[in-house]
């Protein structure tokens, strides 16, 4: 083990370590981080609890982690179960498993395979997900591409472009472990409003969908569609009213 002001930090086993400022951090085992931690990069394998904030250029997790404070990173790679009881700010995140955030997510590129729950809002340039998601407030992204495998929802969705599809039944890898046939049978996205430039959705329920070009696919139930340029509806969808604006 070595720990200096901006030196490296390495621990393994069942331990509680102090927060602080470090360069390279490597943790294996069952670890509690007692305080805020600031590092160049941190690699975690095992079970972790962070009492304070976590700030790092790169974060790599294999296992289970809970952080009480804000988590900030440039690049994150998660495999397992990551719980943040505050907000997440990250440029680029790739996650397989479960990601739960009590506050907000702000990201440039979010790529998720699994289950994502956000109590606040989620903002990203690119939002790419295979699995299920719940956003308590607004999901706002320039490009949204989603394959849904169970119940999904957001209060509002704003975007440049959105594609929502029902995921393929033949699940593999992390998706097969997380989603049972029962959950897959309830595959649907629910939102009060969806607004963007190019909208292409299926298995979606919304009060209002508003866009430039709008395609409503199978399994959709929409009260009102407002479109500027083009509107299409499949035979397997229900739209109560559509209006060109």
Protein backbone atom coordinates (compact mmCIF):
# COMPACT_ATOMS: atom_id res chain seq x y z
CA UNK A 1 0.00 0.00 0.00
CA UNK A 2 1.15 3.52 -0.77
CA UNK A 3 -0.64 6.79 -0.10
CA UNK A 4 0.79 10.26 -0.58
CA UNK A 5 -0.64 13.72 -1.32
CA UNK A 6 -0.90 12.97 -5.06
CA UNK A 7 0.72 9.59 -5.02
CA UNK A 8 -0.83 6.22 -5.74
CA UNK A 9 -3.24 4.33 -3.53
CA UNK A 10 -3.62 0.54 -3.51
CA UNK A 11 -5.64 -1.60 -1.12
CA UNK A 12 -7.07 -5.11 -1.06
CA UNK A 13 -9.17 -6.87 1.54
CA UNK A 14 -11.86 -5.66 3.94
CA UNK A 15 -10.79 -2.14 4.85
CA UNK A 16 -11.87 1.44 5.52
CA UNK A 17 -9.64 4.02 3.90
CA UNK A 18 -9.57 7.81 4.14
CA UNK A 19 -10.51 10.14 1.33
CA UNK A 20 -7.92 12.42 -0.18
CA UNK A 21 -6.18 13.40 -3.40
CA UNK A 22 -4.40 10.65 -5.31
CA UNK A 23 -3.03 9.78 -8.72
CA UNK A 24 -3.74 6.11 -9.51
CA UNK A 25 -6.16 4.28 -7.19
CA UNK A 26 -6.64 0.49 -7.22
CA UNK A 27 -9.11 -1.12 -4.79
CA UNK A 28 -10.03 -4.80 -4.46
CA UNK A 29 -12.30 -6.39 -1.88
CA UNK A 30 -14.84 -4.85 0.47
CA UNK A 31 -13.86 -1.20 0.84
CA UNK A 32 -15.33 1.85 2.53
CA UNK A 33 -14.00 5.24 1.42
CA UNK A 34 -14.45 7.58 4.38
CA UNK A 35 -14.49 11.07 2.87
CA UNK A 36 -14.18 12.82 -0.48
CA UNK A 37 -11.80 11.29 -3.02
CA UNK A 38 -10.11 13.06 -5.95
CA UNK A 39 -7.96 10.96 -8.29
CA UNK A 40 -6.55 10.71 -11.80
CA UNK A 41 -8.03 7.24 -12.21
CA UNK A 42 -9.72 4.73 -9.94
CA UNK A 43 -10.24 0.99 -10.49
CA UNK A 44 -12.60 -0.90 -8.18
CA UNK A 45 -13.22 -4.65 -8.02
CA UNK A 46 -15.57 -5.84 -5.30
CA UNK A 47 -18.02 -4.10 -2.97
CA UNK A 48 -17.63 -0.40 -2.18
CA UNK A 49 -19.19 2.36 -0.13
CA UNK A 50 -18.21 5.99 -0.54
CA UNK A 51 -19.15 8.33 2.29
CA UNK A 52 -18.33 11.49 0.35
CA UNK A 53 -17.86 12.73 -3.20
CA UNK A 54 -15.88 10.97 -5.93
CA UNK A 55 -14.02 12.90 -8.62
CA UNK A 56 -11.75 11.17 -11.14
CA UNK A 57 -10.72 11.41 -14.77
CA UNK A 58 -11.50 7.72 -15.27
CA UNK A 59 -13.62 5.35 -13.18
CA UNK A 60 -13.72 1.58 -13.67
CA UNK A 61 -16.03 -0.58 -11.54
CA UNK A 62 -16.56 -4.34 -11.49
CA UNK A 63 -18.92 -5.16 -8.65
CA UNK A 64 -21.24 -3.14 -6.43
CA UNK A 65 -20.78 0.44 -5.27
CA UNK A 66 -22.76 3.09 -3.40
CA UNK A 67 -21.63 6.71 -3.17
CA UNK A 68 -23.33 9.23 -0.91
CA UNK A 69 -22.06 12.33 -2.71
CA UNK A 70 -21.73 13.68 -6.25
CA UNK A 71 -19.75 11.53 -8.68
CA UNK A 72 -17.80 13.37 -11.39
CA UNK A 73 -15.69 11.81 -14.14
CA UNK A 74 -14.50 12.23 -17.70
CA UNK A 75 -14.81 8.53 -18.56
CA UNK A 76 -16.65 5.77 -16.71
CA UNK A 77 -16.89 2.02 -17.31
CA UNK A 78 -19.31 0.16 -15.04
CA UNK A 79 -20.05 -3.55 -14.81
CA UNK A 80 -22.37 -4.41 -11.94
CA UNK A 81 -24.53 -2.31 -9.63
CA UNK A 82 -23.74 1.39 -9.14
CA UNK A 83 -25.84 3.56 -6.78
CA UNK A 84 -25.32 7.30 -6.48
CA UNK A 85 -27.32 9.09 -3.79
CA UNK A 86 -26.62 12.47 -5.32
CA UNK A 87 -25.92 13.44 -8.96
CA UNK A 88 -23.67 12.09 -11.70
CA UNK A 89 -21.62 14.30 -14.02
CA UNK A 90 -19.65 12.39 -16.66
CA UNK A 91 -18.53 13.01 -20.23
CA UNK A 92 -18.57 9.41 -21.47
CA UNK A 93 -20.16 6.46 -19.65
CA UNK A 94 -20.56 2.81 -20.64
CA UNK A 95 -22.50 0.68 -18.16
CA UNK A 96 -23.67 -2.92 -17.99
CA UNK A 97 -25.94 -3.86 -15.10
CA UNK A 98 -27.83 -1.41 -12.89
CA UNK A 99 -27.30 2.33 -12.53
CA UNK A 100 -29.34 4.24 -9.94
CA UNK A 101 -28.99 8.01 -9.45
CA UNK A 102 -31.04 9.93 -6.87
CA UNK A 103 -30.24 13.33 -8.37
CA UNK A 104 -29.55 14.24 -12.00
CA UNK A 105 -27.33 12.85 -14.74
CA UNK A 106 -25.41 15.22 -17.02
CA UNK A 107 -23.40 13.49 -19.75
CA UNK A 108 -22.14 13.85 -23.29
CA UNK A 109 -22.34 10.17 -24.26
CA UNK A 110 -24.37 7.65 -22.25
CA UNK A 111 -24.34 4.00 -23.34
CA UNK A 112 -26.28 1.67 -21.05
CA UNK A 113 -27.05 -2.04 -21.21
CA UNK A 114 -29.33 -2.91 -18.32
CA UNK A 115 -31.52 -1.00 -15.87
CA UNK A 116 -31.21 2.76 -15.29
CA UNK A 117 -33.18 4.71 -12.68
CA UNK A 118 -32.84 8.48 -12.30
CA UNK A 119 -34.97 10.34 -9.77
CA UNK A 120 -34.26 13.75 -11.30
CA UNK A 121 -33.48 14.64 -14.92
CA UNK A 122 -31.09 13.10 -17.45
CA UNK A 123 -29.29 15.30 -19.97
CA UNK A 124 -26.95 13.96 -22.65
CA UNK A 125 -25.76 14.61 -26.18
CA UNK A 126 -26.17 10.93 -27.06
CA UNK A 127 -28.41 8.56 -25.10
CA UNK A 128 -28.10 4.92 -26.18
CA UNK A 129 -29.81 2.25 -24.08
CA UNK A 130 -30.72 -1.44 -24.31
CA UNK A 131 -32.83 -2.40 -21.33
CA UNK A 132 -35.18 -0.33 -19.18
CA UNK A 133 -35.03 3.20 -17.83
CA UNK A 134 -36.99 5.44 -15.50
CA UNK A 135 -36.40 9.20 -15.42
CA UNK A 136 -38.41 11.06 -12.79
CA UNK A 137 -38.31 14.41 -14.55
CA UNK A 138 -37.01 15.16 -18.07
CA UNK A 139 -34.91 13.10 -20.44
CA UNK A 140 -33.22 15.58 -22.77
CA UNK A 141 -30.75 14.45 -25.45
CA UNK A 142 -29.84 15.39 -28.99
CA UNK A 143 -29.87 11.75 -30.14
CA UNK A 144 -31.91 9.07 -28.33
CA UNK A 145 -31.69 5.45 -29.45
CA UNK A 146 -33.47 2.91 -27.23
CA UNK A 147 -34.22 -0.81 -27.40
CA UNK A 148 -36.65 -1.43 -24.53
CA UNK A 149 -36.93 -4.73 -22.66
CA UNK A 150 -39.48 -3.84 -19.98
CA UNK A 151 -41.44 -0.93 -18.48
CA UNK A 152 -39.78 2.42 -19.22
CA UNK A 153 -40.81 5.96 -18.43
CA UNK A 154 -39.98 9.66 -18.24
CA UNK A 155 -42.15 12.62 -17.36
CA UNK A 156 -41.01 14.50 -20.47
CA UNK A 157 -38.69 13.67 -23.35
CA UNK A 158 -37.00 16.36 -25.46
CA UNK A 159 -34.67 15.53 -28.31
CA UNK A 160 -33.35 16.25 -31.77
CA UNK A 161 -33.93 12.66 -32.88
CA UNK A 162 -35.49 9.69 -31.09
CA UNK A 163 -35.87 6.02 -32.05
CA UNK A 164 -37.70 3.66 -29.68
CA UNK A 165 -37.91 -0.04 -30.51
CA UNK A 166 -39.00 -3.16 -28.68
CA UNK A 167 -35.86 -5.17 -28.01
CA UNK A 168 -35.34 -8.58 -29.59
CA UNK A 169 -36.76 -11.50 -27.63
CA UNK A 170 -33.56 -13.58 -27.80
CA UNK A 171 -31.67 -11.95 -24.93
CA UNK A 172 -27.96 -12.51 -24.46
CA UNK A 173 -25.34 -11.51 -21.93
CA UNK A 174 -26.26 -9.00 -19.25
CA UNK A 175 -29.78 -8.50 -20.62
CA UNK A 176 -30.61 -12.20 -20.26
CA UNK A 177 -29.54 -12.10 -16.61
CA UNK A 178 -31.57 -8.98 -15.78
CA UNK A 179 -34.84 -9.40 -17.67
CA UNK A 180 -37.27 -12.28 -17.24
CA UNK A 181 -39.90 -13.21 -19.87
CA UNK A 182 -42.52 -11.68 -17.53
CA UNK A 183 -40.81 -8.28 -17.58
CA UNK A 184 -40.23 -8.53 -21.33
CA UNK A 185 -44.00 -9.03 -21.78
CA UNK A 186 -44.55 -5.58 -20.20
CA UNK A 187 -42.22 -3.79 -22.59
CA UNK A 188 -43.53 -0.25 -23.03
CA UNK A 189 -42.42 3.38 -22.78
CA UNK A 190 -44.65 5.94 -21.06
CA UNK A 191 -44.21 9.73 -21.16
CA UNK A 192 -46.48 12.73 -20.82
CA UNK A 193 -44.87 14.53 -23.76
CA UNK A 194 -42.26 13.71 -26.39
CA UNK A 195 -40.95 16.60 -28.45
CA UNK A 196 -38.20 16.68 -31.07
CA UNK A 197 -37.31 17.08 -34.73
CA UNK A 198 -37.40 13.45 -35.93
CA UNK A 199 -39.53 11.03 -33.91
CA UNK A 200 -39.87 7.29 -34.59
CA UNK A 201 -41.41 5.28 -31.75
CA UNK A 202 -43.15 1.99 -31.12
CA UNK A 203 -44.73 0.51 -27.95
CA UNK A 204 -45.07 4.01 -26.52
CA UNK A 205 -47.88 5.75 -24.65
CA UNK A 206 -47.94 9.56 -24.55
CA UNK A 207 -50.40 12.40 -24.15
CA UNK A 208 -48.65 14.59 -26.74
CA UNK A 209 -46.01 13.83 -29.35
CA UNK A 210 -44.77 16.87 -31.25
CA UNK A 211 -42.16 16.98 -34.00
CA UNK A 212 -41.10 17.82 -37.52
CA UNK A 213 -41.42 14.26 -38.83
CA UNK A 214 -43.35 11.79 -36.69
CA UNK A 215 -43.71 8.02 -37.18
CA UNK A 216 -45.97 6.17 -34.74
CA UNK A 217 -45.34 2.43 -34.78
CA UNK A 218 -46.97 -0.73 -33.46
CA UNK A 219 -48.15 -0.80 -29.87
CA UNK A 220 -48.39 2.99 -29.50
CA UNK A 221 -51.27 4.86 -27.84
CA UNK A 222 -51.09 8.64 -28.30
CA UNK A 223 -53.72 11.25 -27.49
CA UNK A 224 -52.39 13.99 -29.79
CA UNK A 225 -49.71 14.15 -32.48
CA UNK A 226 -48.61 17.56 -33.77
CA UNK A 227 -46.29 17.53 -36.78
CA UNK A 228 -44.78 20.07 -39.15
CA UNK A 229 -43.63 18.10 -42.20
CA UNK A 230 -44.66 14.44 -42.17
CA UNK A 231 -46.81 12.04 -40.15
CA UNK A 232 -47.05 8.25 -40.43
CA UNK A 233 -48.99 5.74 -38.34
CA UNK A 234 -48.85 1.97 -38.47
CA UNK A 235 -52.00 -0.16 -38.40
CA UNK A 236 -51.05 -1.41 -34.96
CA UNK A 237 -51.06 2.04 -33.35
CA UNK A 238 -53.80 4.26 -31.93
CA UNK A 239 -53.67 8.02 -32.34
CA UNK A 240 -56.72 9.92 -31.11
CA UNK A 241 -55.92 13.09 -33.01
CA UNK A 242 -53.19 14.33 -35.35
CA UNK A 243 -52.71 17.95 -36.45
CA UNK A 244 -50.30 19.61 -38.85
CA UNK A 245 -48.91 22.79 -37.32
